[in-house]
C-alpha atoms as a PDB file:
ATOM      1  CA  MET A   1    -153.770  18.895-160.938  1.00  0.00           C
ATOM      2  CA  THR A   2    -155.621  15.831-160.433  1.00  0.00           C
ATOM      3  CA  LEU A   3    -154.049  12.399-159.668  1.00  0.00           C
ATOM      4  CA  SER A   4    -155.526  11.302-162.700  1.00  0.00           C
ATOM      5  CA  ARG A   5    -153.761  13.885-164.838  1.00  0.00           C
ATOM      6  CA  SER A   6    -150.548  13.950-162.846  1.00  0.00           C
ATOM      7  CA  LEU A   7    -149.880   9.955-162.761  1.00  0.00           C
ATOM      8  CA  PRO A   8    -149.012   9.646-166.766  1.00  0.00           C
ATOM      9  CA  LEU A   9    -146.655  12.392-166.276  1.00  0.00           C
ATOM     10  CA  LEU A  10    -145.165  11.092-163.480  1.00  0.00           C
ATOM     11  CA  LEU A  11    -144.846   7.770-165.197  1.00  0.00           C
ATOM     12  CA  ALA A  12    -143.292   9.627-168.341  1.00  0.00           C
ATOM     13  CA  GLY A  13    -140.732  11.531-166.540  1.00  0.00           C
ATOM     14  CA  LEU A  14    -139.533   8.112-164.512  1.00  0.00           C
ATOM     15  CA  LEU A  15    -139.361   6.461-168.073  1.00  0.00           C
ATOM     16  CA  CYS A  16    -137.165   9.389-169.106  1.00  0.00           C
ATOM     17  CA  VAL A  17    -135.130   9.254-166.034  1.00  0.00           C
ATOM     18  CA  GLY A  18    -134.404   5.469-166.672  1.00  0.00           C
ATOM     19  CA  ALA A  19    -133.384   5.692-170.126  1.00  0.00           C
ATOM     20  CA  ALA A  20    -130.916   8.316-169.255  1.00  0.00           C
ATOM     21  CA  HIS A  21    -129.132   5.956-166.997  1.00  0.00           C
ATOM     22  CA  ALA A  22    -129.079   3.192-169.033  1.00  0.00           C
ATOM     23  CA  THR A  23    -125.756   1.346-168.857  1.00  0.00           C
ATOM     24  CA  GLN A  24    -123.388  -0.063-171.198  1.00  0.00           C
ATOM     25  CA  ALA A  25    -124.657  -3.741-170.318  1.00  0.00           C
ATOM     26  CA  ASP A  26    -128.011  -2.636-170.943  1.00  0.00           C
ATOM     27  CA  HIS A  27    -127.457  -2.037-174.322  1.00  0.00           C
ATOM     28  CA  VAL A  28    -125.506  -5.384-174.849  1.00  0.00           C
ATOM     29  CA  ARG A  29    -126.841  -8.931-175.829  1.00  0.00           C
ATOM     30  CA  ALA A  30    -124.778 -11.805-175.089  1.00  0.00           C
ATOM     31  CA  SER A  31    -125.236 -15.370-177.508  1.00  0.00           C
ATOM     32  CA  ASP A  32    -123.539 -18.144-178.177  1.00  0.00           C
ATOM     33  CA  ALA A  33    -121.870 -18.540-175.007  1.00  0.00           C
ATOM     34  CA  TRP A  34    -119.535 -21.397-174.305  1.00  0.00           C
ATOM     35  CA  ILE A  35    -116.374 -22.860-172.812  1.00  0.00           C
ATOM     36  CA  ARG A  36    -113.961 -25.550-173.966  1.00  0.00           C
ATOM     37  CA  VAL A  37    -113.201 -27.915-171.095  1.00  0.00           C
ATOM     38  CA  LEU A  38    -109.988 -29.189-171.181  1.00  0.00           C
ATOM     39  CA  PRO A  39    -108.784 -32.000-168.904  1.00  0.00           C
ATOM     40  CA  GLY A  40    -107.250 -32.101-165.339  1.00  0.00           C
ATOM     41  CA  GLY A  41    -106.691 -28.588-164.126  1.00  0.00           C
ATOM     42  CA  LEU A  42    -106.014 -26.817-167.412  1.00  0.00           C
ATOM     43  CA  PRO A  43    -107.847 -23.519-167.750  1.00  0.00           C
ATOM     44  CA  ALA A  44    -110.919 -23.439-169.829  1.00  0.00           C
ATOM     45  CA  GLY A  45    -111.444 -20.936-172.652  1.00  0.00           C
ATOM     46  CA  GLY A  46    -114.656 -19.036-173.205  1.00  0.00           C
ATOM     47  CA  TYR A  47    -115.982 -17.847-175.816  1.00  0.00           C
ATOM     48  CA  VAL A  48    -119.465 -15.418-176.556  1.00  0.00           C
ATOM     49  CA  ILE A  49    -120.782 -13.154-179.337  1.00  0.00           C
ATOM     50  CA  LEU A  50    -121.568  -9.339-177.885  1.00  0.00           C
ATOM     51  CA  ALA A  51    -123.743  -7.370-179.849  1.00  0.00           C
ATOM     52  CA  ASN A  52    -124.206  -3.910-178.792  1.00  0.00           C
ATOM     53  CA  GLU A  53    -127.723  -2.023-179.656  1.00  0.00           C
ATOM     54  CA  GLY A  54    -127.037   1.188-178.238  1.00  0.00           C
ATOM     55  CA  ASP A  55    -125.879   4.123-179.908  1.00  0.00           C
ATOM     56  CA  GLN A  56    -122.418   4.383-178.012  1.00  0.00           C
ATOM     57  CA  PRO A  57    -119.539   2.207-177.826  1.00  0.00           C
ATOM     58  CA  ALA A  58    -119.718  -0.386-175.111  1.00  0.00           C
ATOM     59  CA  VAL A  59    -116.147  -1.547-173.309  1.00  0.00           C
ATOM     60  CA  LEU A  60    -115.954  -4.867-172.068  1.00  0.00           C
ATOM     61  CA  ASP A  61    -113.116  -4.707-169.402  1.00  0.00           C
ATOM     62  CA  GLY A  62    -113.207  -7.984-167.527  1.00  0.00           C
ATOM     63  CA  ALA A  63    -115.276 -10.978-166.137  1.00  0.00           C
ATOM     64  CA  SER A  64    -115.580 -13.086-163.179  1.00  0.00           C
ATOM     65  CA  SER A  65    -117.353 -16.589-162.253  1.00  0.00           C
ATOM     66  CA  ALA A  66    -118.461 -18.092-159.030  1.00  0.00           C
ATOM     67  CA  ALA A  67    -117.443 -21.192-160.622  1.00  0.00           C
ATOM     68  CA  TYR A  68    -113.760 -20.468-161.185  1.00  0.00           C
ATOM     69  CA  GLY A  69    -110.728 -18.339-159.238  1.00  0.00           C
ATOM     70  CA  SER A  70    -110.520 -16.195-161.915  1.00  0.00           C
ATOM     71  CA  VAL A  71    -111.730 -14.990-165.407  1.00  0.00           C
ATOM     72  CA  MET A  72    -109.031 -13.062-167.608  1.00  0.00           C
ATOM     73  CA  LEU A  73    -109.549 -11.648-170.934  1.00  0.00           C
ATOM     74  CA  HIS A  74    -106.756 -12.831-173.405  1.00  0.00           C
ATOM     75  CA  LEU A  75    -106.097 -12.280-177.443  1.00  0.00           C
ATOM     76  CA  SER A  76    -104.719 -15.289-179.137  1.00  0.00           C
ATOM     77  CA  SER A  77    -102.598 -14.274-182.395  1.00  0.00           C
ATOM     78  CA  THR A  78    -100.114 -15.657-184.787  1.00  0.00           C
ATOM     79  CA  ASP A  79     -96.715 -14.137-185.345  1.00  0.00           C
ATOM     80  CA  THR A  80     -94.286 -15.426-187.794  1.00  0.00           C
ATOM     81  CA  GLY A  81     -95.979 -18.732-187.388  1.00  0.00           C
ATOM     82  CA  MET A  82     -95.865 -18.756-183.845  1.00  0.00           C
ATOM     83  CA  GLY A  83     -98.889 -18.554-181.789  1.00  0.00           C
ATOM     84  CA  ARG A  84     -99.395 -16.282-179.081  1.00  0.00           C
ATOM     85  CA  MET A  85    -101.847 -15.503-176.619  1.00  0.00           C
ATOM     86  CA  ARG A  86    -101.419 -12.259-174.417  1.00  0.00           C
ATOM     87  CA  MET A  87    -103.915 -10.784-171.390  1.00  0.00           C
ATOM     88  CA  VAL A  88    -105.812  -7.707-172.546  1.00  0.00           C
ATOM     89  CA  ASP A  89    -107.674  -5.204-170.249  1.00  0.00           C
ATOM     90  CA  HIS A  90    -110.405  -4.507-172.466  1.00  0.00           C
ATOM     91  CA  LEU A  91    -112.528  -5.302-175.621  1.00  0.00           C
ATOM     92  CA  ASP A  92    -114.276  -2.301-177.602  1.00  0.00           C
ATOM     93  CA  VAL A  93    -118.090  -3.670-178.609  1.00  0.00           C
ATOM     94  CA  PRO A  94    -118.847  -0.605-181.248  1.00  0.00           C
ATOM     95  CA  ALA A  95    -122.167   1.063-181.553  1.00  0.00           C
ATOM     96  CA  HIS A  96    -124.856  -1.032-183.400  1.00  0.00           C
ATOM     97  CA  GLY A  97    -122.003  -3.610-183.841  1.00  0.00           C
ATOM     98  CA  ARG A  98    -120.400  -6.641-182.419  1.00  0.00           C
ATOM     99  CA  ALA A  99    -117.353  -8.127-181.084  1.00  0.00           C
ATOM    100  CA  ALA A 100    -116.889 -11.959-180.844  1.00  0.00           C
ATOM    101  CA  LEU A 101    -114.921 -13.541-178.418  1.00  0.00           C
ATOM    102  CA  ALA A 102    -113.708 -16.803-180.485  1.00  0.00           C
ATOM    103  CA  PRO A 103    -111.354 -19.667-180.972  1.00  0.00           C
ATOM    104  CA  GLY A 104    -107.534 -17.876-182.183  1.00  0.00           C
ATOM    105  CA  GLY A 105    -108.754 -14.342-181.125  1.00  0.00           C
ATOM    106  CA  TYR A 106    -110.138 -12.646-178.256  1.00  0.00           C
ATOM    107  CA  HIS A 107    -111.232 -15.180-175.496  1.00  0.00           C
ATOM    108  CA  PHE A 108    -112.002 -15.625-171.695  1.00  0.00           C
ATOM    109  CA  MET A 109    -109.438 -17.907-169.584  1.00  0.00           C
ATOM    110  CA  LEU A 110    -111.204 -19.557-167.081  1.00  0.00           C
ATOM    111  CA  MET A 111    -108.914 -20.594-164.393  1.00  0.00           C
ATOM    112  CA  HIS A 112    -108.586 -22.598-161.101  1.00  0.00           C
ATOM    113  CA  ALA A 113    -112.122 -24.308-161.187  1.00  0.00           C
ATOM    114  CA  ARG A 114    -113.713 -24.634-157.918  1.00  0.00           C
ATOM    115  CA  LYS A 115    -114.971 -28.156-158.689  1.00  0.00           C
ATOM    116  CA  PRO A 116    -114.853 -29.940-161.700  1.00  0.00           C
ATOM    117  CA  VAL A 117    -117.190 -28.361-164.778  1.00  0.00           C
ATOM    118  CA  GLN A 118    -118.359 -31.123-167.225  1.00  0.00           C
ATOM    119  CA  PRO A 119    -119.677 -30.921-170.563  1.00  0.00           C
ATOM    120  CA  GLY A 120    -123.221 -30.160-170.655  1.00  0.00           C
ATOM    121  CA  GLN A 121    -123.062 -28.181-167.710  1.00  0.00           C
ATOM    122  CA  THR A 122    -123.710 -24.360-167.731  1.00  0.00           C
ATOM    123  CA  VAL A 123    -121.506 -22.012-165.902  1.00  0.00           C
ATOM    124  CA  GLN A 124    -122.281 -18.065-165.127  1.00  0.00           C
ATOM    125  CA  VAL A 125    -120.112 -15.699-166.198  1.00  0.00           C
ATOM    126  CA  VAL A 126    -120.502 -12.290-165.229  1.00  0.00           C
ATOM    127  CA  LEU A 127    -119.267  -9.475-167.960  1.00  0.00           C
ATOM    128  CA  HIS A 128    -118.121  -6.382-166.745  1.00  0.00           C
ATOM    129  CA  PHE A 129    -117.940  -3.135-168.398  1.00  0.00           C
ATOM    130  CA  ALA A 130    -116.121  -0.165-167.888  1.00  0.00           C
ATOM    131  CA  ASP A 131    -118.857   1.989-166.621  1.00  0.00           C
ATOM    132  CA  GLY A 132    -119.382  -0.501-163.678  1.00  0.00           C
ATOM    133  CA  SER A 133    -122.560  -2.355-165.126  1.00  0.00           C
ATOM    134  CA  THR A 134    -122.339  -6.374-165.367  1.00  0.00           C
ATOM    135  CA  LEU A 135    -124.260  -8.613-167.626  1.00  0.00           C
ATOM    136  CA  ALA A 136    -124.714 -12.429-166.193  1.00  0.00           C
ATOM    137  CA  THR A 137    -124.589 -14.808-169.043  1.00  0.00           C
ATOM    138  CA  GLU A 138    -124.986 -18.495-168.796  1.00  0.00           C
ATOM    139  CA  PHE A 139    -122.009 -20.312-170.810  1.00  0.00           C
ATOM    140  CA  LEU A 140    -122.223 -23.885-172.054  1.00  0.00           C
ATOM    141  CA  ALA A 141    -119.588 -26.394-171.129  1.00  0.00           C
ATOM    142  CA  LYS A 142    -118.376 -28.178-174.232  1.00  0.00           C
ATOM    143  CA  PRO A 143    -115.517 -30.999-174.584  1.00  0.00           C
ATOM    144  CA  ALA A 144    -112.155 -29.958-175.354  1.00  0.00           C
ATOM    145  CA  ASN A 145    -112.753 -31.124-178.961  1.00  0.00           C
ATOM    146  CA  ALA A 146    -115.280 -28.687-179.760  1.00  0.00           C
ATOM    147  CA  LEU A 147    -114.905 -25.782-182.214  1.00  0.00           C
END
């Protein structure tokens, strides 16, 4: 077989191998990512919309940021008029669906800022998925009164 005939077959084979090994992060798109910066050393809240364009669910199971000592996934809820917040270990992003981390629901708690974060700055947060894949996302810092 000549090189001119085998090269297209080789390229097609490599494309198939790449498609077979697509990760959860490859199918997820992050948008409207922002953090609410609170005064002093209080933790910041992180919010983002995740859209899964894949045929399988994606499972967000954590995050990290060089700007913060720790990032935890939390869920806020109201029970008998009392606001509660608890740490959760994952958030499912359905196939061809969306999941929102938003005020009053799922969100990131960004704790122990390594240096003060000011409104208008961007902070990179790396989203971690259950299959080990990651998605680096730029979060815009907004003031405490942002909605």
